Amino acid sequence: MTANTLHSTSSPSITPALDASFAAINWQAPWLHHISQLDYLSQRVAALSQSTNSLGDVAVTLKDSASHSHTFIADLLNTAMTQKTVEYQNQPQTKPMQDNHAHPLKFVSQDALPEGEAYESFIATTGHIPTRENLHDLFNGSIWLTFPKTKALLNYHHMCEISEQGIGASRGRVRDTITVFDENGAILVTAVPSIGEALIDFNWQESLVSTRDEWDKPLAPNENAQVAVYIFGHALLEQLIQPRKSLCAHSVVIQVTQDFFALALPERMSYVDNRLAEQMHTLLSQEAITPRQLAPLPILGVPHFWADNANPDFYEDSRVFRSGRRRKS
């Protein structure tokens, strides 16, 4: 057998469908535990972001996707949404304005967005979510999967503002608040009102340190826990691929009863989505709304999110855990 024969019969190298940045995701990170269809997403992204020298799963995926290239992220998000819809018999859809009707949600290529049309308008009128082949849009899609009612509600308020104000050089206070929460938001859920109040008052000791035993462990949920944090901001999830102590979320507080923590994780997320949509609708309907009404939360300070915060000295860094503008009376 000649060298040429050996070369011609060797398995071809398969180019990954996704670039190397996707391989950097730590799918076991505690801040990702609440994402809907996490197992499926992690497995498919891993397969699509790895090279292989055999005609295996990745090769089949590439072959099957050849007729609609550059939709790998949209395709896997649609499959995840279908799985969730079948399991819970609840098709996510848009929140319609008065002159429109609800549309089932579907992820599509960014190329489907007509030139000159606003992203929010396209979603509102079609239910189609333009999706690029990057980490930012993968995490955006994962939040649509996890909190579909709230994401649809935020898009609805974007459209209400656009219909009244148009699209100008500045978004205005309502759309600024939506954008800050959409990109960088977190939800603190607690059965102890004083913990939420302490967070709003920048009292890190009472919200994060002295109450540590009351915090849920993301990777081992506890029905006796009394407080937990779930990340909403997709840009924040992207930044957490390279965690930094200075990363700070903009959060809202949702009060619950102790029974919440006895729920299985999917039921928890469904409940949070419903409550969050209601709460954000109320917040965004306020005339004086600004992003300052979202409470800062240094995200690596969340108990059980980061090993170093087991040491109380972690919270002594005043550059991160700052004294704030709100004070108790």
C-alpha atoms as a PDB file:
ATOM      1  CA  MET A   1       0.000   0.000   0.000  1.00  0.00           C
ATOM      2  CA  THR A   2       1.473   3.345  -1.025  1.00  0.00           C
ATOM      3  CA  ALA A   3       1.669   6.523   1.004  1.00  0.00           C
ATOM      4  CA  ASN A   4      -0.923   8.062  -1.309  1.00  0.00           C
ATOM      5  CA  THR A   5      -3.291   5.188  -0.617  1.00  0.00           C
ATOM      6  CA  LEU A   6      -2.810   5.597   3.107  1.00  0.00           C
ATOM      7  CA  HIS A   7      -3.571   9.306   2.823  1.00  0.00           C
ATOM      8  CA  SER A   8      -6.690   8.811   0.728  1.00  0.00           C
ATOM      9  CA  THR A   9      -8.256   6.249   3.057  1.00  0.00           C
ATOM     10  CA  SER A  10      -7.694   8.130   6.310  1.00  0.00           C
ATOM     11  CA  SER A  11     -10.707   9.751   7.932  1.00  0.00           C
ATOM     12  CA  PRO A  12     -11.194  13.383   6.926  1.00  0.00           C
ATOM     13  CA  SER A  13     -10.810  16.113   9.514  1.00  0.00           C
ATOM     14  CA  ILE A  14     -14.121  17.692  10.411  1.00  0.00           C
ATOM     15  CA  THR A  15     -14.163  21.428  11.072  1.00  0.00           C
ATOM     16  CA  PRO A  16     -16.155  22.283  14.186  1.00  0.00           C
ATOM     17  CA  ALA A  17     -19.469  23.996  13.531  1.00  0.00           C
ATOM     18  CA  LEU A  18     -18.870  26.392  16.434  1.00  0.00           C
ATOM     19  CA  ASP A  19     -15.675  28.267  17.228  1.00  0.00           C
ATOM     20  CA  ALA A  20     -13.397  27.565  20.176  1.00  0.00           C
ATOM     21  CA  SER A  21     -15.081  30.121  22.442  1.00  0.00           C
ATOM     22  CA  PHE A  22     -17.972  27.705  23.010  1.00  0.00           C
ATOM     23  CA  ALA A  23     -15.619  25.052  24.383  1.00  0.00           C
ATOM     24  CA  ALA A  24     -14.747  27.451  27.218  1.00  0.00           C
ATOM     25  CA  ILE A  25     -18.223  27.207  28.769  1.00  0.00           C
ATOM     26  CA  ASN A  26     -18.202  25.441  32.137  1.00  0.00           C
ATOM     27  CA  TRP A  27     -21.641  23.868  32.049  1.00  0.00           C
ATOM     28  CA  GLN A  28     -21.233  22.768  35.681  1.00  0.00           C
ATOM     29  CA  ALA A  29     -20.958  26.364  36.912  1.00  0.00           C
ATOM     30  CA  PRO A  30     -23.529  27.010  39.665  1.00  0.00           C
ATOM     31  CA  TRP A  31     -24.905  30.095  37.908  1.00  0.00           C
ATOM     32  CA  LEU A  32     -26.005  27.937  34.952  1.00  0.00           C
ATOM     33  CA  HIS A  33     -27.839  25.268  36.931  1.00  0.00           C
ATOM     34  CA  HIS A  34     -31.291  26.810  36.425  1.00  0.00           C
ATOM     35  CA  ILE A  35     -31.130  27.007  32.617  1.00  0.00           C
ATOM     36  CA  SER A  36     -33.910  25.047  30.928  1.00  0.00           C
ATOM     37  CA  GLN A  37     -32.831  21.978  28.927  1.00  0.00           C
ATOM     38  CA  LEU A  38     -29.291  22.418  30.263  1.00  0.00           C
ATOM     39  CA  ASP A  39     -28.205  18.820  29.650  1.00  0.00           C
ATOM     40  CA  TYR A  40     -29.263  18.910  26.014  1.00  0.00           C
ATOM     41  CA  LEU A  41     -27.699  22.319  25.368  1.00  0.00           C
ATOM     42  CA  SER A  42     -24.409  21.367  26.993  1.00  0.00           C
ATOM     43  CA  GLN A  43     -24.136  18.090  25.084  1.00  0.00           C
ATOM     44  CA  ARG A  44     -24.957  19.592  21.698  1.00  0.00           C
ATOM     45  CA  VAL A  45     -22.719  22.622  22.119  1.00  0.00           C
ATOM     46  CA  ALA A  46     -19.872  20.340  23.192  1.00  0.00           C
ATOM     47  CA  ALA A  47     -20.396  18.173  20.106  1.00  0.00           C
ATOM     48  CA  LEU A  48     -20.580  21.149  17.762  1.00  0.00           C
ATOM     49  CA  SER A  49     -17.507  22.866  19.194  1.00  0.00           C
ATOM     50  CA  GLN A  50     -15.103  19.919  19.065  1.00  0.00           C
ATOM     51  CA  SER A  51     -13.046  18.708  16.126  1.00  0.00           C
ATOM     52  CA  THR A  52     -13.223  15.029  15.274  1.00  0.00           C
ATOM     53  CA  ASN A  53     -11.403  12.721  12.902  1.00  0.00           C
ATOM     54  CA  SER A  54     -14.281  10.291  12.594  1.00  0.00           C
ATOM     55  CA  LEU A  55     -17.573  10.533  10.755  1.00  0.00           C
ATOM     56  CA  GLY A  56     -19.505  10.557  13.998  1.00  0.00           C
ATOM     57  CA  ASP A  57     -22.092  12.742  15.629  1.00  0.00           C
ATOM     58  CA  VAL A  58     -20.544  16.063  14.640  1.00  0.00           C
ATOM     59  CA  ALA A  59     -20.160  14.999  11.029  1.00  0.00           C
ATOM     60  CA  VAL A  60     -23.786  13.924  10.876  1.00  0.00           C
ATOM     61  CA  THR A  61     -24.859  17.221  12.400  1.00  0.00           C
ATOM     62  CA  LEU A  62     -22.855  19.157   9.846  1.00  0.00           C
ATOM     63  CA  LYS A  63     -24.283  17.101   6.997  1.00  0.00           C
ATOM     64  CA  ASP A  64     -27.846  17.509   8.212  1.00  0.00           C
ATOM     65  CA  SER A  65     -27.345  21.262   8.600  1.00  0.00           C
ATOM     66  CA  ALA A  66     -25.709  21.822   5.217  1.00  0.00           C
ATOM     67  CA  SER A  67     -28.929  23.012   3.613  1.00  0.00           C
ATOM     68  CA  HIS A  68     -29.316  25.788   6.178  1.00  0.00           C
ATOM     69  CA  SER A  69     -25.800  26.782   7.189  1.00  0.00           C
ATOM     70  CA  HIS A  70     -25.104  29.256   9.960  1.00  0.00           C
ATOM     71  CA  THR A  71     -28.142  28.208  11.997  1.00  0.00           C
ATOM     72  CA  PHE A  72     -26.474  25.792  14.393  1.00  0.00           C
ATOM     73  CA  ILE A  73     -27.380  27.844  17.472  1.00  0.00           C
ATOM     74  CA  ALA A  74     -30.929  28.552  16.279  1.00  0.00           C
ATOM     75  CA  ASP A  75     -31.431  24.875  15.439  1.00  0.00           C
ATOM     76  CA  LEU A  76     -30.313  23.547  18.801  1.00  0.00           C
ATOM     77  CA  LEU A  77     -32.364  26.191  20.642  1.00  0.00           C
ATOM     78  CA  ASN A  78     -35.449  25.241  18.622  1.00  0.00           C
ATOM     79  CA  THR A  79     -34.919  21.585  19.455  1.00  0.00           C
ATOM     80  CA  ALA A  80     -34.546  22.452  23.138  1.00  0.00           C
ATOM     81  CA  MET A  81     -37.733  24.528  23.018  1.00  0.00           C
ATOM     82  CA  THR A  82     -39.624  21.702  21.314  1.00  0.00           C
ATOM     83  CA  GLN A  83     -38.472  19.287  24.008  1.00  0.00           C
ATOM     84  CA  LYS A  84     -39.643  21.669  26.724  1.00  0.00           C
ATOM     85  CA  THR A  85     -42.964  22.296  24.964  1.00  0.00           C
ATOM     86  CA  VAL A  86     -43.653  18.567  24.651  1.00  0.00           C
ATOM     87  CA  GLU A  87     -42.717  17.969  28.280  1.00  0.00           C
ATOM     88  CA  TYR A  88     -44.788  20.803  29.742  1.00  0.00           C
ATOM     89  CA  GLN A  89     -47.394  21.191  26.962  1.00  0.00           C
ATOM     90  CA  ASN A  90     -46.946  24.944  26.932  1.00  0.00           C
ATOM     91  CA  GLN A  91     -45.860  26.688  23.720  1.00  0.00           C
ATOM     92  CA  PRO A  92     -43.944  29.916  24.480  1.00  0.00           C
ATOM     93  CA  GLN A  93     -45.237  32.915  22.564  1.00  0.00           C
ATOM     94  CA  THR A  94     -44.990  36.673  22.257  1.00  0.00           C
ATOM     95  CA  LYS A  95     -47.037  39.099  24.332  1.00  0.00           C
ATOM     96  CA  PRO A  96     -49.147  40.943  21.751  1.00  0.00           C
ATOM     97  CA  MET A  97     -49.856  44.641  21.538  1.00  0.00           C
ATOM     98  CA  GLN A  98     -53.415  45.821  20.877  1.00  0.00           C
ATOM     99  CA  ASP A  99     -53.018  45.728  17.094  1.00  0.00           C
ATOM    100  CA  ASN A 100     -51.239  42.385  16.983  1.00  0.00           C
ATOM    101  CA  HIS A 101     -51.709  38.815  18.124  1.00  0.00           C
ATOM    102  CA  ALA A 102     -49.487  36.316  19.911  1.00  0.00           C
ATOM    103  CA  HIS A 103     -46.972  34.363  17.835  1.00  0.00           C
ATOM    104  CA  PRO A 104     -45.238  31.099  18.777  1.00  0.00           C
ATOM    105  CA  LEU A 105     -41.554  31.670  19.411  1.00  0.00           C
ATOM    106  CA  LYS A 106     -38.943  30.347  17.015  1.00  0.00           C
ATOM    107  CA  PHE A 107     -35.213  30.980  16.718  1.00  0.00           C
ATOM    108  CA  VAL A 108     -34.048  31.948  13.238  1.00  0.00           C
ATOM    109  CA  SER A 109     -30.857  33.040  11.542  1.00  0.00           C
ATOM    110  CA  GLN A 110     -29.810  36.653  11.970  1.00  0.00           C
ATOM    111  CA  ASP A 111     -30.098  36.880   8.179  1.00  0.00           C
ATOM    112  CA  ALA A 112     -33.885  36.551   8.531  1.00  0.00           C
ATOM    113  CA  LEU A 113     -34.094  40.021  10.103  1.00  0.00           C
ATOM    114  CA  PRO A 114     -35.076  42.404   7.281  1.00  0.00           C
ATOM    115  CA  GLU A 115     -32.691  45.268   6.720  1.00  0.00           C
ATOM    116  CA  GLY A 116     -33.882  48.361   8.546  1.00  0.00           C
ATOM    117  CA  GLU A 117     -36.358  46.558  10.807  1.00  0.00           C
ATOM    118  CA  ALA A 118     -35.889  46.774  14.561  1.00  0.00           C
ATOM    119  CA  TYR A 119     -35.005  43.512  16.305  1.00  0.00           C
ATOM    120  CA  GLU A 120     -37.836  43.975  18.828  1.00  0.00           C
ATOM    121  CA  SER A 121     -40.390  44.731  16.122  1.00  0.00           C
ATOM    122  CA  PHE A 122     -39.463  41.615  14.162  1.00  0.00           C
ATOM    123  CA  ILE A 123     -39.954  39.439  17.247  1.00  0.00           C
ATOM    124  CA  ALA A 124     -43.272  41.107  18.086  1.00  0.00           C
ATOM    125  CA  THR A 125     -44.756  40.696  14.602  1.00  0.00           C
ATOM    126  CA  THR A 126     -43.415  37.230  13.747  1.00  0.00           C
ATOM    127  CA  GLY A 127     -42.377  35.464  16.951  1.00  0.00           C
ATOM    128  CA  HIS A 128     -39.009  34.863  15.285  1.00  0.00           C
ATOM    129  CA  ILE A 129     -35.893  35.573  17.349  1.00  0.00           C
ATOM    130  CA  PRO A 130     -32.862  36.465  15.177  1.00  0.00           C
ATOM    131  CA  THR A 131     -29.903  34.452  16.422  1.00  0.00           C
ATOM    132  CA  ARG A 132     -26.226  34.763  15.576  1.00  0.00           C
ATOM    133  CA  GLU A 133     -23.578  32.065  15.859  1.00  0.00           C
ATOM    134  CA  ASN A 134     -21.985  33.414  19.016  1.00  0.00           C
ATOM    135  CA  LEU A 135     -21.962  32.969  22.781  1.00  0.00           C
ATOM    136  CA  HIS A 136     -24.039  36.074  23.394  1.00  0.00           C
ATOM    137  CA  ASP A 137     -26.972  34.764  21.379  1.00  0.00           C
ATOM    138  CA  LEU A 138     -26.636  31.224  22.744  1.00  0.00           C
ATOM    139  CA  PHE A 139     -27.092  32.605  26.248  1.00  0.00           C
ATOM    140  CA  ASN A 140     -29.851  34.949  25.082  1.00  0.00           C
ATOM    141  CA  GLY A 141     -31.683  31.958  23.656  1.00  0.00           C
ATOM    142  CA  SER A 142     -31.162  29.967  26.847  1.00  0.00           C
ATOM    143  CA  ILE A 143     -32.864  32.753  28.814  1.00  0.00           C
ATOM    144  CA  TRP A 144     -35.775  32.757  26.344  1.00  0.00           C
ATOM    145  CA  LEU A 145     -36.073  29.027  27.078  1.00  0.00           C
ATOM    146  CA  THR A 146     -35.963  29.527  30.836  1.00  0.00           C
ATOM    147  CA  PHE A 147     -38.000  32.723  31.272  1.00  0.00           C
ATOM    148  CA  PRO A 148     -40.173  32.961  28.127  1.00  0.00           C
ATOM    149  CA  LYS A 149     -42.981  35.028  29.673  1.00  0.00           C
ATOM    150  CA  THR A 150     -40.610  37.608  31.088  1.00  0.00           C
ATOM    151  CA  LYS A 151     -38.581  37.875  27.889  1.00  0.00           C
ATOM    152  CA  ALA A 152     -41.804  38.331  25.903  1.00  0.00           C
ATOM    153  CA  LEU A 153     -42.969  40.933  28.430  1.00  0.00           C
ATOM    154  CA  LEU A 154     -39.727  42.897  28.068  1.00  0.00           C
ATOM    155  CA  ASN A 155     -40.059  42.832  24.284  1.00  0.00           C
ATOM    156  CA  TYR A 156     -43.663  44.034  24.644  1.00  0.00           C
ATOM    157  CA  HIS A 157     -42.539  47.046  26.688  1.00  0.00           C
ATOM    158  CA  HIS A 158     -39.809  47.781  24.152  1.00  0.00           C
ATOM    159  CA  MET A 159     -42.500  47.877  21.470  1.00  0.00           C
ATOM    160  CA  CYS A 160     -44.804  50.075  23.552  1.00  0.00           C
ATOM    161  CA  GLU A 161     -42.004  52.609  23.896  1.00  0.00           C
ATOM    162  CA  ILE A 162     -41.015  52.377  20.236  1.00  0.00           C
ATOM    163  CA  SER A 163     -44.622  52.922  19.151  1.00  0.00           C
ATOM    164  CA  GLU A 164     -44.828  56.058  21.303  1.00  0.00           C
ATOM    165  CA  GLN A 165     -41.318  57.476  21.023  1.00  0.00           C
ATOM    166  CA  GLY A 166     -39.906  55.935  17.871  1.00  0.00           C
ATOM    167  CA  ILE A 167     -36.258  54.893  17.663  1.00  0.00           C
ATOM    168  CA  GLY A 168     -33.897  57.762  18.371  1.00  0.00           C
ATOM    169  CA  ALA A 169     -30.399  58.435  19.607  1.00  0.00           C
ATOM    170  CA  SER A 170     -31.399  57.512  23.165  1.00  0.00           C
ATOM    171  CA  ARG A 171     -33.714  54.756  24.340  1.00  0.00           C
ATOM    172  CA  GLY A 172     -35.331  56.571  27.244  1.00  0.00           C
ATOM    173  CA  ARG A 173     -35.667  55.432  30.841  1.00  0.00           C
ATOM    174  CA  VAL A 174     -38.020  52.498  30.253  1.00  0.00           C
ATOM    175  CA  ARG A 175     -35.968  50.923  27.479  1.00  0.00           C
ATOM    176  CA  ASP A 176     -32.742  51.651  29.359  1.00  0.00           C
ATOM    177  CA  THR A 177     -34.110  49.747  32.351  1.00  0.00           C
ATOM    178  CA  ILE A 178     -35.233  46.865  30.150  1.00  0.00           C
ATOM    179  CA  THR A 179     -31.831  46.671  28.488  1.00  0.00           C
ATOM    180  CA  VAL A 180     -29.878  46.740  31.746  1.00  0.00           C
ATOM    181  CA  PHE A 181     -31.969  43.939  33.231  1.00  0.00           C
ATOM    182  CA  ASP A 182     -32.098  41.940  30.001  1.00  0.00           C
ATOM    183  CA  GLU A 183     -28.328  42.014  29.627  1.00  0.00           C
ATOM    184  CA  ASN A 184     -27.211  41.998  33.247  1.00  0.00           C
ATOM    185  CA  GLY A 185     -30.147  41.051  35.464  1.00  0.00           C
ATOM    186  CA  ALA A 186     -30.475  38.641  38.357  1.00  0.00           C
ATOM    187  CA  ILE A 187     -33.405  37.557  40.506  1.00  0.00           C
ATOM    188  CA  LEU A 188     -33.092  37.152  44.258  1.00  0.00           C
ATOM    189  CA  VAL A 189     -35.884  34.879  45.491  1.00  0.00           C
ATOM    190  CA  THR A 190     -36.369  34.728  49.237  1.00  0.00           C
ATOM    191  CA  ALA A 191     -38.790  33.627  51.925  1.00  0.00           C
ATOM    192  CA  VAL A 192     -37.115  36.041  54.365  1.00  0.00           C
ATOM    193  CA  PRO A 193     -38.033  39.665  53.558  1.00  0.00           C
ATOM    194  CA  SER A 194     -35.126  41.061  55.576  1.00  0.00           C
ATOM    195  CA  ILE A 195     -32.602  39.430  53.221  1.00  0.00           C
ATOM    196  CA  GLY A 196     -34.051  41.200  50.191  1.00  0.00           C
ATOM    197  CA  GLU A 197     -34.248  44.457  52.128  1.00  0.00           C
ATOM    198  CA  ALA A 198     -30.609  44.101  53.159  1.00  0.00           C
ATOM    199  CA  LEU A 199     -29.549  43.613  49.538  1.00  0.00           C
ATOM    200  CA  ILE A 200     -31.435  46.731  48.456  1.00  0.00           C
ATOM    201  CA  ASP A 201     -29.749  48.639  51.296  1.00  0.00           C
ATOM    202  CA  PHE A 202     -26.245  47.460  50.304  1.00  0.00           C
ATOM    203  CA  ASN A 203     -25.993  45.598  53.597  1.00  0.00           C
ATOM    204  CA  TRP A 204     -23.752  42.782  52.417  1.00  0.00           C
ATOM    205  CA  GLN A 205     -23.304  41.244  55.857  1.00  0.00           C
ATOM    206  CA  GLU A 206     -27.018  40.664  56.414  1.00  0.00           C
ATOM    207  CA  SER A 207     -27.821  39.730  52.829  1.00  0.00           C
ATOM    208  CA  LEU A 208     -24.855  37.505  51.936  1.00  0.00           C
ATOM    209  CA  VAL A 209     -22.609  36.722  54.908  1.00  0.00           C
ATOM    210  CA  SER A 210     -24.443  36.157  58.195  1.00  0.00           C
ATOM    211  CA  THR A 211     -27.314  34.462  56.335  1.00  0.00           C
ATOM    212  CA  ARG A 212     -25.061  32.039  54.443  1.00  0.00           C
ATOM    213  CA  ASP A 213     -26.644  28.933  56.000  1.00  0.00           C
ATOM    214  CA  GLU A 214     -30.040  30.011  54.654  1.00  0.00           C
ATOM    215  CA  TRP A 215     -28.877  30.134  51.030  1.00  0.00           C
ATOM    216  CA  ASP A 216     -29.733  27.380  48.582  1.00  0.00           C
ATOM    217  CA  LYS A 217     -26.877  25.402  47.057  1.00  0.00           C
ATOM    218  CA  PRO A 218     -27.374  25.505  43.272  1.00  0.00           C
ATOM    219  CA  LEU A 219     -25.860  22.092  42.625  1.00  0.00           C
ATOM    220  CA  ALA A 220     -27.689  20.487  45.561  1.00  0.00           C
ATOM    221  CA  PRO A 221     -31.043  22.276  45.981  1.00  0.00           C
ATOM    222  CA  ASN A 222     -32.376  22.221  49.528  1.00  0.00           C
ATOM    223  CA  GLU A 223     -36.064  22.388  50.406  1.00  0.00           C
ATOM    224  CA  ASN A 224     -35.110  24.022  53.708  1.00  0.00           C
ATOM    225  CA  ALA A 225     -33.278  26.890  52.002  1.00  0.00           C
ATOM    226  CA  GLN A 226     -34.753  30.363  52.244  1.00  0.00           C
ATOM    227  CA  VAL A 227     -32.988  32.346  49.541  1.00  0.00           C
ATOM    228  CA  ALA A 228     -31.524  31.796  46.071  1.00  0.00           C
ATOM    229  CA  VAL A 229     -30.324  33.803  43.075  1.00  0.00           C
ATOM    230  CA  TYR A 230     -31.043  33.026  39.425  1.00  0.00           C
ATOM    231  CA  ILE A 231     -29.278  34.906  36.640  1.00  0.00           C
ATOM    232  CA  PHE A 232     -31.426  36.486  33.936  1.00  0.00           C
ATOM    233  CA  GLY A 233     -28.891  38.595  32.041  1.00  0.00           C
ATOM    234  CA  HIS A 234     -27.453  36.805  29.034  1.00  0.00           C
ATOM    235  CA  ALA A 235     -24.486  39.184  28.732  1.00  0.00           C
ATOM    236  CA  LEU A 236     -23.693  38.457  32.380  1.00  0.00           C
ATOM    237  CA  LEU A 237     -23.677  34.720  31.646  1.00  0.00           C
ATOM    238  CA  GLU A 238     -21.274  35.362  28.788  1.00  0.00           C
ATOM    239  CA  GLN A 239     -18.975  37.411  31.034  1.00  0.00           C
ATOM    240  CA  LEU A 240     -19.008  34.641  33.634  1.00  0.00           C
ATOM    241  CA  ILE A 241     -17.158  32.357  31.245  1.00  0.00           C
ATOM    242  CA  GLN A 242     -14.174  34.227  32.686  1.00  0.00           C
ATOM    243  CA  PRO A 243     -15.364  35.004  36.240  1.00  0.00           C
ATOM    244  CA  ARG A 244     -14.170  38.225  37.846  1.00  0.00           C
ATOM    245  CA  LYS A 245     -14.892  39.399  41.354  1.00  0.00           C
ATOM    246  CA  SER A 246     -15.936  42.813  40.052  1.00  0.00           C
ATOM    247  CA  LEU A 247     -18.850  41.485  37.969  1.00  0.00           C
ATOM    248  CA  CYS A 248     -22.033  43.051  39.286  1.00  0.00           C
ATOM    249  CA  ALA A 249     -25.609  42.119  38.395  1.00  0.00           C
ATOM    250  CA  HIS A 250     -28.643  44.403  38.533  1.00  0.00           C
ATOM    251  CA  SER A 251     -31.270  42.545  40.492  1.00  0.00           C
ATOM    252  CA  VAL A 252     -34.890  42.432  41.520  1.00  0.00           C
ATOM    253  CA  VAL A 253     -36.207  40.766  44.668  1.00  0.00           C
ATOM    254  CA  ILE A 254     -39.138  38.346  44.623  1.00  0.00           C
ATOM    255  CA  GLN A 255     -40.737  37.363  47.913  1.00  0.00           C
ATOM    256  CA  VAL A 256     -41.936  33.759  48.154  1.00  0.00           C
ATOM    257  CA  THR A 257     -43.192  31.370  50.805  1.00  0.00           C
ATOM    258  CA  GLN A 258     -41.037  28.556  52.128  1.00  0.00           C
ATOM    259  CA  ASP A 259     -42.974  26.114  49.923  1.00  0.00           C
ATOM    260  CA  PHE A 260     -41.153  27.500  46.886  1.00  0.00           C
ATOM    261  CA  PHE A 261     -37.936  25.737  47.855  1.00  0.00           C
ATOM    262  CA  ALA A 262     -39.687  22.358  47.999  1.00  0.00           C
ATOM    263  CA  LEU A 263     -40.457  22.610  44.273  1.00  0.00           C
ATOM    264  CA  ALA A 264     -38.421  20.778  41.653  1.00  0.00           C
ATOM    265  CA  LEU A 265     -36.190  23.110  39.637  1.00  0.00           C
ATOM    266  CA  PRO A 266     -38.422  23.277  36.504  1.00  0.00           C
ATOM    267  CA  GLU A 267     -41.416  24.178  38.677  1.00  0.00           C
ATOM    268  CA  ARG A 268     -39.337  26.779  40.489  1.00  0.00           C
ATOM    269  CA  MET A 269     -38.387  28.406  37.190  1.00  0.00           C
ATOM    270  CA  SER A 270     -41.962  28.395  35.899  1.00  0.00           C
ATOM    271  CA  TYR A 271     -43.106  30.076  39.101  1.00  0.00           C
ATOM    272  CA  VAL A 272     -40.292  32.638  38.986  1.00  0.00           C
ATOM    273  CA  ASP A 273     -41.030  33.408  35.326  1.00  0.00           C
ATOM    274  CA  ASN A 274     -44.682  34.137  36.104  1.00  0.00           C
ATOM    275  CA  ARG A 275     -43.877  36.269  39.139  1.00  0.00           C
ATOM    276  CA  LEU A 276     -41.016  38.075  37.419  1.00  0.00           C
ATOM    277  CA  ALA A 277     -43.170  38.958  34.411  1.00  0.00           C
ATOM    278  CA  GLU A 278     -45.805  40.433  36.733  1.00  0.00           C
ATOM    279  CA  GLN A 279     -43.236  42.333  38.766  1.00  0.00           C
ATOM    280  CA  MET A 280     -41.376  43.714  35.754  1.00  0.00           C
ATOM    281  CA  HIS A 281     -44.656  44.820  34.172  1.00  0.00           C
ATOM    282  CA  THR A 282     -45.471  46.790  37.322  1.00  0.00           C
ATOM    283  CA  LEU A 283     -41.962  48.225  37.521  1.00  0.00           C
ATOM    284  CA  LEU A 284     -41.787  49.240  33.862  1.00  0.00           C
ATOM    285  CA  SER A 285     -45.219  50.861  34.051  1.00  0.00           C
ATOM    286  CA  GLN A 286     -43.991  53.360  36.640  1.00  0.00           C
ATOM    287  CA  GLU A 287     -43.604  56.857  35.286  1.00  0.00           C
ATOM    288  CA  ALA A 288     -40.339  57.472  37.132  1.00  0.00           C
ATOM    289  CA  ILE A 289     -38.679  54.146  36.296  1.00  0.00           C
ATOM    290  CA  THR A 290     -34.881  54.156  35.952  1.00  0.00           C
ATOM    291  CA  PRO A 291     -32.207  51.421  36.005  1.00  0.00           C
ATOM    292  CA  ARG A 292     -31.252  52.685  39.477  1.00  0.00           C
ATOM    293  CA  GLN A 293     -34.281  50.821  40.814  1.00  0.00           C
ATOM    294  CA  LEU A 294     -32.451  47.567  40.126  1.00  0.00           C
ATOM    295  CA  ALA A 295     -30.357  46.509  43.126  1.00  0.00           C
ATOM    296  CA  PRO A 296     -26.621  45.969  42.513  1.00  0.00           C
ATOM    297  CA  LEU A 297     -25.432  42.457  43.376  1.00  0.00           C
ATOM    298  CA  PRO A 298     -21.750  41.443  43.037  1.00  0.00           C
ATOM    299  CA  ILE A 299     -22.499  38.089  41.488  1.00  0.00           C
ATOM    300  CA  LEU A 300     -19.520  36.118  42.813  1.00  0.00           C
ATOM    301  CA  GLY A 301     -20.602  37.165  46.292  1.00  0.00           C
ATOM    302  CA  VAL A 302     -23.682  34.944  46.039  1.00  0.00           C
ATOM    303  CA  PRO A 303     -23.111  32.141  48.575  1.00  0.00           C
ATOM    304  CA  HIS A 304     -22.090  28.860  46.900  1.00  0.00           C
ATOM    305  CA  PHE A 305     -21.446  30.568  43.552  1.00  0.00           C
ATOM    306  CA  TRP A 306     -17.706  30.949  44.174  1.00  0.00           C
ATOM    307  CA  ALA A 307     -15.477  28.971  46.539  1.00  0.00           C
ATOM    308  CA  ASP A 308     -13.576  32.018  47.796  1.00  0.00           C
ATOM    309  CA  ASN A 309     -16.698  33.603  49.261  1.00  0.00           C
ATOM    310  CA  ALA A 310     -16.799  30.935  51.984  1.00  0.00           C
ATOM    311  CA  ASN A 311     -14.255  33.185  53.719  1.00  0.00           C
ATOM    312  CA  PRO A 312     -16.001  36.257  55.200  1.00  0.00           C
ATOM    313  CA  ASP A 313     -12.951  38.332  54.282  1.00  0.00           C
ATOM    314  CA  PHE A 314     -14.025  37.995  50.643  1.00  0.00           C
ATOM    315  CA  TYR A 315     -16.689  40.612  51.337  1.00  0.00           C
ATOM    316  CA  GLU A 316     -14.265  43.143  52.834  1.00  0.00           C
ATOM    317  CA  ASP A 317     -13.221  44.387  49.390  1.00  0.00           C
ATOM    318  CA  SER A 318     -14.850  47.820  49.348  1.00  0.00           C
ATOM    319  CA  ARG A 319     -14.081  48.251  45.646  1.00  0.00           C
ATOM    320  CA  VAL A 320     -16.645  45.515  44.950  1.00  0.00           C
ATOM    321  CA  PHE A 321     -18.912  45.474  48.001  1.00  0.00           C
ATOM    322  CA  ARG A 322     -19.512  49.185  48.148  1.00  0.00           C
ATOM    323  CA  SER A 323     -21.543  51.236  50.536  1.00  0.00           C
ATOM    324  CA  GLY A 324     -24.528  52.302  48.498  1.00  0.00           C
ATOM    325  CA  ARG A 325     -26.875  55.128  47.780  1.00  0.00           C
ATOM    326  CA  ARG A 326     -29.759  53.538  49.700  1.00  0.00           C
ATOM    327  CA  ARG A 327     -29.811  53.633  53.473  1.00  0.00           C
ATOM    328  CA  LYS A 328     -32.240  52.315  56.049  1.00  0.00           C
ATOM    329  CA  SER A 329     -34.150  55.002  57.851  1.00  0.00           C
END
